[in-house]
Amino acid sequence: MKNIVILVCSDFEWKVVRGRFKEEILKESPYGNWFVHDPAKNKNTRKVIWLKSGWGKIGSAGATQYVINKWNPDLIINIGTCGGFRGKIDLYEIVLIKKTIVYDMNDFIGTVGKSIKYYTTNIHLSWLKNRTFLKLPKEVMVTGDQDLAPERLPELYEKYKGVVGDWESGSISWICKMNGTKLLILRGVSDLVGSDNNPAYNEDEKDFLKGVKIVMPKLIDITTDFLAQIA
């Protein structure tokens, strides 16, 4: 693989990444900063780019198409946080996403649900041989431009089998599918949502930030180990 791009969406997640690779020189894109770092040190044979893509479906879709147009990567890896369904997954669990559902779309003209079906993406993992990745729980991610609403959890689980939710995976995976680009999405459960709401849903963001600081180093370690092993 000659070109690999690691997408990191939020400011909080990117801060952890920059703390790990503070010696790398930052460059600018229309979406966020990026730098080059290859843990395998194969500088003559490939380029590994870490890019802050921006949060939400719009920013992440635009950034994904941008990196495909600019670097034509053989592989895109998205790492970051997600909310988990309490009782369905553990706090701070690391998951490999096998399918994404963009659930915050409502059809009033034509067939109900046609838009959600159109933007549903199955992520092909048959090529993946890495044992660490393959041992991770393979889950369905529900994506919307909103935090998980407690009252919608039963519907999202029963209808789509989703156990984690975020703001970006659905758009990243769809753009990769349309371009025929290989994709891995690794997410860490930073907080849990239940029927009685979520302790992380408050203005000081303390519980969420605690989760970010716990799961992001795990994700970076898994990703760099993987990058060091593949050609």
C-alpha atoms as a PDB file:
ATOM      1  CA  MET A   1       0.000   0.000   0.000  1.00  0.00           C
ATOM      2  CA  LYS A   2       1.694   3.183  -1.206  1.00  0.00           C
ATOM      3  CA  ASN A   3      -0.630   5.787   0.301  1.00  0.00           C
ATOM      4  CA  ILE A   4      -2.634   5.476   3.514  1.00  0.00           C
ATOM      5  CA  VAL A   5      -4.708   8.214   5.144  1.00  0.00           C
ATOM      6  CA  ILE A   6      -5.802   8.267   8.794  1.00  0.00           C
ATOM      7  CA  LEU A   7      -8.866  10.477   9.308  1.00  0.00           C
ATOM      8  CA  VAL A   8      -9.484  11.948  12.759  1.00  0.00           C
ATOM      9  CA  CYS A   9     -12.670  13.974  13.039  1.00  0.00           C
ATOM     10  CA  SER A  10     -13.028  16.038  16.211  1.00  0.00           C
ATOM     11  CA  ASP A  11     -10.826  18.682  17.842  1.00  0.00           C
ATOM     12  CA  PHE A  12     -10.668  16.628  21.046  1.00  0.00           C
ATOM     13  CA  GLU A  13      -9.549  13.479  19.224  1.00  0.00           C
ATOM     14  CA  TRP A  14      -7.010  15.385  17.142  1.00  0.00           C
ATOM     15  CA  LYS A  15      -5.489  16.934  20.272  1.00  0.00           C
ATOM     16  CA  VAL A  16      -4.612  13.439  21.534  1.00  0.00           C
ATOM     17  CA  VAL A  17      -3.111  12.492  18.163  1.00  0.00           C
ATOM     18  CA  ARG A  18      -1.018  15.668  18.057  1.00  0.00           C
ATOM     19  CA  GLY A  19       0.192  14.981  21.586  1.00  0.00           C
ATOM     20  CA  ARG A  20       1.504  11.609  20.423  1.00  0.00           C
ATOM     21  CA  PHE A  21       3.181  12.969  17.265  1.00  0.00           C
ATOM     22  CA  LYS A  22       4.089  16.492  18.364  1.00  0.00           C
ATOM     23  CA  GLU A  23       7.415  16.414  16.507  1.00  0.00           C
ATOM     24  CA  GLU A  24       5.756  16.122  13.085  1.00  0.00           C
ATOM     25  CA  ILE A  25       5.402  19.239  10.920  1.00  0.00           C
ATOM     26  CA  LEU A  26       1.817  20.361  10.353  1.00  0.00           C
ATOM     27  CA  LYS A  27       0.502  21.279   6.930  1.00  0.00           C
ATOM     28  CA  GLU A  28      -2.833  22.857   6.005  1.00  0.00           C
ATOM     29  CA  SER A  29      -5.872  21.564   4.119  1.00  0.00           C
ATOM     30  CA  PRO A  30      -9.296  23.161   3.587  1.00  0.00           C
ATOM     31  CA  TYR A  31     -10.630  20.882   6.353  1.00  0.00           C
ATOM     32  CA  GLY A  32      -7.876  20.756   8.965  1.00  0.00           C
ATOM     33  CA  ASN A  33      -4.203  20.208   9.663  1.00  0.00           C
ATOM     34  CA  TRP A  34      -2.331  17.123   8.483  1.00  0.00           C
ATOM     35  CA  PHE A  35       1.089  15.592   8.886  1.00  0.00           C
ATOM     36  CA  VAL A  36       3.057  12.597   7.609  1.00  0.00           C
ATOM     37  CA  HIS A  37       4.068   9.820   9.983  1.00  0.00           C
ATOM     38  CA  ASP A  38       4.787   6.201   9.086  1.00  0.00           C
ATOM     39  CA  PRO A  39       5.561   3.939  12.060  1.00  0.00           C
ATOM     40  CA  ALA A  40       7.142   1.440   9.663  1.00  0.00           C
ATOM     41  CA  LYS A  41       9.486   4.142   8.320  1.00  0.00           C
ATOM     42  CA  ASN A  42       8.887   3.047   4.723  1.00  0.00           C
ATOM     43  CA  LYS A  43       9.472   6.566   3.485  1.00  0.00           C
ATOM     44  CA  ASN A  44      10.749   5.447   0.098  1.00  0.00           C
ATOM     45  CA  THR A  45       7.819   3.180  -0.644  1.00  0.00           C
ATOM     46  CA  ARG A  46       4.715   4.768   0.861  1.00  0.00           C
ATOM     47  CA  LYS A  47       3.212   7.829   2.549  1.00  0.00           C
ATOM     48  CA  VAL A  48       1.041   7.682   5.692  1.00  0.00           C
ATOM     49  CA  ILE A  49      -0.954  10.868   6.220  1.00  0.00           C
ATOM     50  CA  TRP A  50      -2.820  11.802   9.416  1.00  0.00           C
ATOM     51  CA  LEU A  51      -5.502  14.414   8.748  1.00  0.00           C
ATOM     52  CA  LYS A  52      -8.050  16.201  10.888  1.00  0.00           C
ATOM     53  CA  SER A  53     -11.159  15.880   8.769  1.00  0.00           C
ATOM     54  CA  GLY A  54     -13.714  17.837  10.783  1.00  0.00           C
ATOM     55  CA  TRP A  55     -16.802  16.598  12.604  1.00  0.00           C
ATOM     56  CA  GLY A  56     -20.310  15.923  11.308  1.00  0.00           C
ATOM     57  CA  LYS A  57     -21.520  14.388   8.069  1.00  0.00           C
ATOM     58  CA  ILE A  58     -20.777  17.416   5.879  1.00  0.00           C
ATOM     59  CA  GLY A  59     -17.203  18.025   6.998  1.00  0.00           C
ATOM     60  CA  SER A  60     -16.258  14.362   7.050  1.00  0.00           C
ATOM     61  CA  ALA A  61     -17.754  13.663   3.605  1.00  0.00           C
ATOM     62  CA  GLY A  62     -15.954  16.639   2.089  1.00  0.00           C
ATOM     63  CA  ALA A  63     -12.655  15.741   3.725  1.00  0.00           C
ATOM     64  CA  THR A  64     -12.905  12.120   2.621  1.00  0.00           C
ATOM     65  CA  GLN A  65     -13.414  13.112  -1.007  1.00  0.00           C
ATOM     66  CA  TYR A  66     -10.610  15.664  -0.660  1.00  0.00           C
ATOM     67  CA  VAL A  67      -8.041  13.085   0.474  1.00  0.00           C
ATOM     68  CA  ILE A  68      -9.148  10.645  -2.223  1.00  0.00           C
ATOM     69  CA  ASN A  69      -8.707  13.298  -4.915  1.00  0.00           C
ATOM     70  CA  LYS A  70      -5.389  14.561  -3.522  1.00  0.00           C
ATOM     71  CA  TRP A  71      -3.584  11.348  -2.535  1.00  0.00           C
ATOM     72  CA  ASN A  72      -5.579   8.499  -4.112  1.00  0.00           C
ATOM     73  CA  PRO A  73      -5.018   6.361  -0.996  1.00  0.00           C
ATOM     74  CA  ASP A  74      -4.964   2.591  -1.116  1.00  0.00           C
ATOM     75  CA  LEU A  75      -6.566   2.620   2.328  1.00  0.00           C
ATOM     76  CA  ILE A  76      -8.380   5.107   4.557  1.00  0.00           C
ATOM     77  CA  ILE A  77      -8.564   4.442   8.299  1.00  0.00           C
ATOM     78  CA  ASN A  78     -10.946   6.471  10.428  1.00  0.00           C
ATOM     79  CA  ILE A  79     -10.295   6.458  14.177  1.00  0.00           C
ATOM     80  CA  GLY A  80     -12.273   8.257  16.853  1.00  0.00           C
ATOM     81  CA  THR A  81     -14.887   8.108  19.567  1.00  0.00           C
ATOM     82  CA  CYS A  82     -18.521   7.046  19.562  1.00  0.00           C
ATOM     83  CA  GLY A  83     -21.450   6.765  21.904  1.00  0.00           C
ATOM     84  CA  GLY A  84     -22.510   3.294  22.993  1.00  0.00           C
ATOM     85  CA  PHE A  85     -25.916   1.810  23.765  1.00  0.00           C
ATOM     86  CA  ARG A  86     -25.907   1.024  27.478  1.00  0.00           C
ATOM     87  CA  GLY A  87     -26.430  -2.691  28.063  1.00  0.00           C
ATOM     88  CA  LYS A  88     -25.370  -3.573  24.505  1.00  0.00           C
ATOM     89  CA  ILE A  89     -21.681  -2.659  24.641  1.00  0.00           C
ATOM     90  CA  ASP A  90     -19.075  -1.810  27.256  1.00  0.00           C
ATOM     91  CA  LEU A  91     -17.670   1.603  28.054  1.00  0.00           C
ATOM     92  CA  TYR A  92     -14.229   2.168  26.454  1.00  0.00           C
ATOM     93  CA  GLU A  93     -14.703  -0.835  24.128  1.00  0.00           C
ATOM     94  CA  ILE A  94     -12.846  -0.617  20.807  1.00  0.00           C
ATOM     95  CA  VAL A  95     -14.950  -1.727  17.837  1.00  0.00           C
ATOM     96  CA  LEU A  96     -14.404  -2.383  14.140  1.00  0.00           C
ATOM     97  CA  ILE A  97     -17.339  -1.102  12.091  1.00  0.00           C
ATOM     98  CA  LYS A  98     -18.824  -3.509   9.551  1.00  0.00           C
ATOM     99  CA  LYS A  99     -21.844  -1.459   8.463  1.00  0.00           C
ATOM    100  CA  THR A 100     -23.050   2.134   8.719  1.00  0.00           C
ATOM    101  CA  ILE A 101     -26.591   3.497   8.762  1.00  0.00           C
ATOM    102  CA  VAL A 102     -27.351   7.202   8.272  1.00  0.00           C
ATOM    103  CA  TYR A 103     -30.513   7.269  10.358  1.00  0.00           C
ATOM    104  CA  ASP A 104     -31.450  10.967  10.595  1.00  0.00           C
ATOM    105  CA  MET A 105     -33.244  11.125   7.231  1.00  0.00           C
ATOM    106  CA  ASN A 106     -37.033  11.358   6.842  1.00  0.00           C
ATOM    107  CA  ASP A 107     -38.889  10.662   3.576  1.00  0.00           C
ATOM    108  CA  PHE A 108     -42.336  12.198   3.103  1.00  0.00           C
ATOM    109  CA  ILE A 109     -42.386  11.891  -0.700  1.00  0.00           C
ATOM    110  CA  GLY A 110     -42.228   8.425  -2.223  1.00  0.00           C
ATOM    111  CA  THR A 111     -41.179   5.297  -0.354  1.00  0.00           C
ATOM    112  CA  VAL A 112     -40.578   5.769   3.336  1.00  0.00           C
ATOM    113  CA  GLY A 113     -37.014   4.797   4.264  1.00  0.00           C
ATOM    114  CA  LYS A 114     -35.572   4.949   0.738  1.00  0.00           C
ATOM    115  CA  SER A 115     -32.971   7.566   1.688  1.00  0.00           C
ATOM    116  CA  ILE A 116     -31.700   5.595   4.662  1.00  0.00           C
ATOM    117  CA  LYS A 117     -31.427   2.510   2.490  1.00  0.00           C
ATOM    118  CA  TYR A 118     -29.533   4.430  -0.198  1.00  0.00           C
ATOM    119  CA  TYR A 119     -26.924   5.731   2.248  1.00  0.00           C
ATOM    120  CA  THR A 120     -26.463   2.431   4.081  1.00  0.00           C
ATOM    121  CA  THR A 121     -22.958   1.046   3.539  1.00  0.00           C
ATOM    122  CA  ASN A 122     -21.544  -2.404   4.136  1.00  0.00           C
ATOM    123  CA  ILE A 123     -17.800  -2.124   4.738  1.00  0.00           C
ATOM    124  CA  HIS A 124     -15.927  -4.959   3.062  1.00  0.00           C
ATOM    125  CA  LEU A 125     -13.444  -6.546   5.457  1.00  0.00           C
ATOM    126  CA  SER A 126     -12.717  -9.822   3.632  1.00  0.00           C
ATOM    127  CA  TRP A 127      -9.252  -8.544   2.624  1.00  0.00           C
ATOM    128  CA  LEU A 128      -8.272  -7.866   6.236  1.00  0.00           C
ATOM    129  CA  LYS A 129      -5.838 -10.379   7.753  1.00  0.00           C
ATOM    130  CA  ASN A 130      -4.617  -8.512  10.834  1.00  0.00           C
ATOM    131  CA  ARG A 131      -5.372 -10.628  13.918  1.00  0.00           C
ATOM    132  CA  THR A 132      -5.727  -7.679  16.271  1.00  0.00           C
ATOM    133  CA  PHE A 133      -8.362  -6.068  14.069  1.00  0.00           C
ATOM    134  CA  LEU A 134     -10.184  -9.325  13.432  1.00  0.00           C
ATOM    135  CA  LYS A 135     -10.498  -9.992  17.170  1.00  0.00           C
ATOM    136  CA  LEU A 136     -12.317  -6.700  17.733  1.00  0.00           C
ATOM    137  CA  PRO A 137     -16.133  -6.707  17.987  1.00  0.00           C
ATOM    138  CA  LYS A 138     -17.586  -5.993  14.543  1.00  0.00           C
ATOM    139  CA  GLU A 139     -20.549  -3.677  15.002  1.00  0.00           C
ATOM    140  CA  VAL A 140     -23.109  -1.582  13.138  1.00  0.00           C
ATOM    141  CA  MET A 141     -22.659   2.173  13.488  1.00  0.00           C
ATOM    142  CA  VAL A 142     -25.639   4.520  13.296  1.00  0.00           C
ATOM    143  CA  THR A 143     -24.660   7.999  12.124  1.00  0.00           C
ATOM    144  CA  GLY A 144     -26.579  11.244  12.474  1.00  0.00           C
ATOM    145  CA  ASP A 145     -25.820  14.930  12.858  1.00  0.00           C
ATOM    146  CA  GLN A 146     -26.837  14.704  16.500  1.00  0.00           C
ATOM    147  CA  ASP A 147     -25.899  12.935  19.695  1.00  0.00           C
ATOM    148  CA  LEU A 148     -27.779   9.711  20.389  1.00  0.00           C
ATOM    149  CA  ALA A 149     -31.249  10.477  21.730  1.00  0.00           C
ATOM    150  CA  PRO A 150     -32.188   8.106  24.593  1.00  0.00           C
ATOM    151  CA  GLU A 151     -35.745   7.679  23.342  1.00  0.00           C
ATOM    152  CA  ARG A 152     -34.526   6.435  19.938  1.00  0.00           C
ATOM    153  CA  LEU A 153     -32.205   3.705  21.205  1.00  0.00           C
ATOM    154  CA  PRO A 154     -34.784   0.862  21.111  1.00  0.00           C
ATOM    155  CA  GLU A 155     -35.713   1.731  17.503  1.00  0.00           C
ATOM    156  CA  LEU A 156     -32.090   2.018  16.343  1.00  0.00           C
ATOM    157  CA  TYR A 157     -31.193  -1.297  17.941  1.00  0.00           C
ATOM    158  CA  GLU A 158     -34.263  -3.256  16.853  1.00  0.00           C
ATOM    159  CA  LYS A 159     -34.441  -1.825  13.337  1.00  0.00           C
ATOM    160  CA  TYR A 160     -30.747  -1.574  12.438  1.00  0.00           C
ATOM    161  CA  LYS A 161     -28.922  -3.645  15.109  1.00  0.00           C
ATOM    162  CA  GLY A 162     -26.878  -0.567  15.943  1.00  0.00           C
ATOM    163  CA  VAL A 163     -25.026  -0.552  19.257  1.00  0.00           C
ATOM    164  CA  VAL A 164     -22.811   2.497  18.659  1.00  0.00           C
ATOM    165  CA  GLY A 165     -23.491   5.922  17.195  1.00  0.00           C
ATOM    166  CA  ASP A 166     -21.485   8.861  15.858  1.00  0.00           C
ATOM    167  CA  TRP A 167     -21.630  11.894  13.568  1.00  0.00           C
ATOM    168  CA  GLU A 168     -19.288  10.842  10.749  1.00  0.00           C
ATOM    169  CA  SER A 169     -18.861   7.137   9.929  1.00  0.00           C
ATOM    170  CA  GLY A 170     -21.897   6.925   7.646  1.00  0.00           C
ATOM    171  CA  SER A 171     -20.646   9.670   5.336  1.00  0.00           C
ATOM    172  CA  ILE A 172     -17.010   8.532   5.346  1.00  0.00           C
ATOM    173  CA  SER A 173     -17.978   4.964   4.442  1.00  0.00           C
ATOM    174  CA  TRP A 174     -20.396   6.036   1.694  1.00  0.00           C
ATOM    175  CA  ILE A 175     -17.834   8.297   0.020  1.00  0.00           C
ATOM    176  CA  CYS A 176     -15.251   5.492   0.150  1.00  0.00           C
ATOM    177  CA  LYS A 177     -17.761   3.066  -1.355  1.00  0.00           C
ATOM    178  CA  MET A 178     -18.559   5.439  -4.229  1.00  0.00           C
ATOM    179  CA  ASN A 179     -14.838   5.823  -4.975  1.00  0.00           C
ATOM    180  CA  GLY A 180     -13.934   2.158  -4.535  1.00  0.00           C
ATOM    181  CA  THR A 181     -11.505   3.011  -1.718  1.00  0.00           C
ATOM    182  CA  LYS A 182     -10.674   0.488   1.002  1.00  0.00           C
ATOM    183  CA  LEU A 183     -11.776   1.602   4.448  1.00  0.00           C
ATOM    184  CA  LEU A 184     -11.377   0.643   8.075  1.00  0.00           C
ATOM    185  CA  ILE A 185     -13.335   2.400  10.820  1.00  0.00           C
ATOM    186  CA  LEU A 186     -12.124   1.923  14.386  1.00  0.00           C
ATOM    187  CA  ARG A 187     -14.052   3.627  17.149  1.00  0.00           C
ATOM    188  CA  GLY A 188     -13.791   3.670  20.923  1.00  0.00           C
ATOM    189  CA  VAL A 189     -16.874   3.967  23.146  1.00  0.00           C
ATOM    190  CA  SER A 190     -16.245   7.206  25.028  1.00  0.00           C
ATOM    191  CA  ASP A 191     -19.655   7.338  26.718  1.00  0.00           C
ATOM    192  CA  LEU A 192     -22.804   5.267  27.173  1.00  0.00           C
ATOM    193  CA  VAL A 193     -26.370   6.365  26.483  1.00  0.00           C
ATOM    194  CA  GLY A 194     -29.326   4.753  28.197  1.00  0.00           C
ATOM    195  CA  SER A 195     -33.030   5.374  28.664  1.00  0.00           C
ATOM    196  CA  ASP A 196     -32.183   7.646  31.598  1.00  0.00           C
ATOM    197  CA  ASN A 197     -29.961   9.843  29.387  1.00  0.00           C
ATOM    198  CA  ASN A 198     -26.166  10.058  29.380  1.00  0.00           C
ATOM    199  CA  PRO A 199     -23.879  11.474  32.092  1.00  0.00           C
ATOM    200  CA  ALA A 200     -21.726  12.917  29.294  1.00  0.00           C
ATOM    201  CA  TYR A 201     -24.597  15.140  28.112  1.00  0.00           C
ATOM    202  CA  ASN A 202     -23.626  18.289  29.980  1.00  0.00           C
ATOM    203  CA  GLU A 203     -21.945  21.572  29.173  1.00  0.00           C
ATOM    204  CA  ASP A 204     -18.616  20.921  30.877  1.00  0.00           C
ATOM    205  CA  GLU A 205     -18.020  17.779  28.723  1.00  0.00           C
ATOM    206  CA  LYS A 206     -16.048  16.246  31.605  1.00  0.00           C
ATOM    207  CA  ASP A 207     -17.257  12.654  31.173  1.00  0.00           C
ATOM    208  CA  PHE A 208     -16.875  12.761  27.416  1.00  0.00           C
ATOM    209  CA  LEU A 209     -13.351  14.176  27.620  1.00  0.00           C
ATOM    210  CA  LYS A 210     -12.405  11.451  30.077  1.00  0.00           C
ATOM    211  CA  GLY A 211     -13.551   8.890  27.511  1.00  0.00           C
ATOM    212  CA  VAL A 212     -11.579  10.584  24.741  1.00  0.00           C
ATOM    213  CA  LYS A 213      -8.386  10.445  26.803  1.00  0.00           C
ATOM    214  CA  ILE A 214      -8.921   6.733  27.468  1.00  0.00           C
ATOM    215  CA  VAL A 215      -9.950   5.416  24.036  1.00  0.00           C
ATOM    216  CA  MET A 216      -7.848   7.562  21.689  1.00  0.00           C
ATOM    217  CA  PRO A 217      -4.439   6.252  22.898  1.00  0.00           C
ATOM    218  CA  LYS A 218      -5.780   2.705  22.445  1.00  0.00           C
ATOM    219  CA  LEU A 219      -6.882   3.525  18.906  1.00  0.00           C
ATOM    220  CA  ILE A 220      -3.542   5.126  18.048  1.00  0.00           C
ATOM    221  CA  ASP A 221      -1.663   2.093  19.390  1.00  0.00           C
ATOM    222  CA  ILE A 222      -3.786  -0.374  17.416  1.00  0.00           C
ATOM    223  CA  THR A 223      -3.476   1.705  14.252  1.00  0.00           C
ATOM    224  CA  THR A 224       0.292   2.246  14.449  1.00  0.00           C
ATOM    225  CA  ASP A 225       0.865  -1.444  15.188  1.00  0.00           C
ATOM    226  CA  PHE A 226      -1.200  -2.317  12.129  1.00  0.00           C
ATOM    227  CA  LEU A 227       0.653   0.183   9.939  1.00  0.00           C
ATOM    228  CA  ALA A 228       4.004  -1.187  11.073  1.00  0.00           C
ATOM    229  CA  GLN A 229       2.980  -4.693   9.989  1.00  0.00           C
ATOM    230  CA  ILE A 230       1.540  -4.095   6.534  1.00  0.00           C
ATOM    231  CA  ALA A 231       3.595  -3.483   3.406  1.00  0.00           C
END
